[in-house]
Amino acid sequence: MFCMKEKVLNMTPNERKKLGINKSTLWYMKKNLSEGKTPKIYEKILLKIQ
């Protein structure tokens, strides 16, 4: 099973739309992960990703 980091980094725009995640939210999460920072993932988004 993928870890959360890999799942976010590999998410496609179609998957994002199906899960109901905003484009900017995914963009900031990917940006922070690629910079080595810990992204702030709110419970609402976390439940959609899992």
C-alpha atoms as a PDB file:
ATOM      1  CA  MET A   1       0.000   0.000   0.000  1.00  0.00           C
ATOM      2  CA  PHE A   2       1.205   3.486  -0.828  1.00  0.00           C
ATOM      3  CA  CYS A   3       2.149   5.845   1.943  1.00  0.00           C
ATOM      4  CA  MET A   4       0.377   9.195   2.118  1.00  0.00           C
ATOM      5  CA  LYS A   5       3.334  11.102   0.613  1.00  0.00           C
ATOM      6  CA  GLU A   6       3.492   8.906  -2.487  1.00  0.00           C
ATOM      7  CA  LYS A   7      -0.278   8.992  -2.891  1.00  0.00           C
ATOM      8  CA  VAL A   8      -0.344  12.812  -2.889  1.00  0.00           C
ATOM      9  CA  LEU A   9       2.667  13.182  -5.186  1.00  0.00           C
ATOM     10  CA  ASN A  10       1.261  10.698  -7.729  1.00  0.00           C
ATOM     11  CA  MET A  11      -2.295  12.056  -7.721  1.00  0.00           C
ATOM     12  CA  THR A  12      -3.623  13.017 -11.143  1.00  0.00           C
ATOM     13  CA  PRO A  13      -6.040  15.887 -11.845  1.00  0.00           C
ATOM     14  CA  ASN A  14      -8.857  13.398 -12.523  1.00  0.00           C
ATOM     15  CA  GLU A  15      -8.293  11.647  -9.178  1.00  0.00           C
ATOM     16  CA  ARG A  16      -8.263  15.035  -7.455  1.00  0.00           C
ATOM     17  CA  LYS A  17     -11.604  15.965  -9.008  1.00  0.00           C
ATOM     18  CA  LYS A  18     -13.203  12.631  -8.063  1.00  0.00           C
ATOM     19  CA  LEU A  19     -12.082  13.071  -4.445  1.00  0.00           C
ATOM     20  CA  GLY A  20     -13.323  16.671  -4.325  1.00  0.00           C
ATOM     21  CA  ILE A  21      -9.952  18.258  -3.524  1.00  0.00           C
ATOM     22  CA  ASN A  22      -9.275  21.793  -4.755  1.00  0.00           C
ATOM     23  CA  LYS A  23      -6.520  22.304  -7.310  1.00  0.00           C
ATOM     24  CA  SER A  24      -4.688  24.794  -5.126  1.00  0.00           C
ATOM     25  CA  THR A  25      -4.847  22.502  -2.094  1.00  0.00           C
ATOM     26  CA  LEU A  26      -3.180  19.680  -3.995  1.00  0.00           C
ATOM     27  CA  TRP A  27      -0.649  22.095  -5.501  1.00  0.00           C
ATOM     28  CA  TYR A  28       0.448  23.380  -2.074  1.00  0.00           C
ATOM     29  CA  MET A  29       0.634  19.859  -0.622  1.00  0.00           C
ATOM     30  CA  LYS A  30       2.821  18.702  -3.542  1.00  0.00           C
ATOM     31  CA  LYS A  31       4.989  21.835  -3.273  1.00  0.00           C
ATOM     32  CA  ASN A  32       5.629  21.354   0.437  1.00  0.00           C
ATOM     33  CA  LEU A  33       6.368  17.645   0.026  1.00  0.00           C
ATOM     34  CA  SER A  34       8.846  18.263  -2.799  1.00  0.00           C
ATOM     35  CA  GLU A  35      10.640  20.874  -0.663  1.00  0.00           C
ATOM     36  CA  GLY A  36      10.961  18.385   2.189  1.00  0.00           C
ATOM     37  CA  LYS A  37       8.510  20.212   4.428  1.00  0.00           C
ATOM     38  CA  THR A  38       5.627  18.597   6.262  1.00  0.00           C
ATOM     39  CA  PRO A  39       2.397  19.686   4.589  1.00  0.00           C
ATOM     40  CA  LYS A  40      -0.521  20.843   6.672  1.00  0.00           C
ATOM     41  CA  ILE A  41      -3.295  18.391   5.838  1.00  0.00           C
ATOM     42  CA  TYR A  42      -6.602  19.140   7.465  1.00  0.00           C
ATOM     43  CA  GLU A  43      -8.867  16.323   8.629  1.00  0.00           C
ATOM     44  CA  LYS A  44     -11.413  16.992   5.872  1.00  0.00           C
ATOM     45  CA  ILE A  45      -8.783  16.436   3.150  1.00  0.00           C
ATOM     46  CA  LEU A  46      -7.129  13.561   5.004  1.00  0.00           C
ATOM     47  CA  LEU A  47     -10.422  11.657   5.075  1.00  0.00           C
ATOM     48  CA  LYS A  48     -10.853  12.144   1.323  1.00  0.00           C
ATOM     49  CA  ILE A  49      -7.337  10.886   0.560  1.00  0.00           C
ATOM     50  CA  GLN A  50      -7.614   7.773   2.704  1.00  0.00           C
END
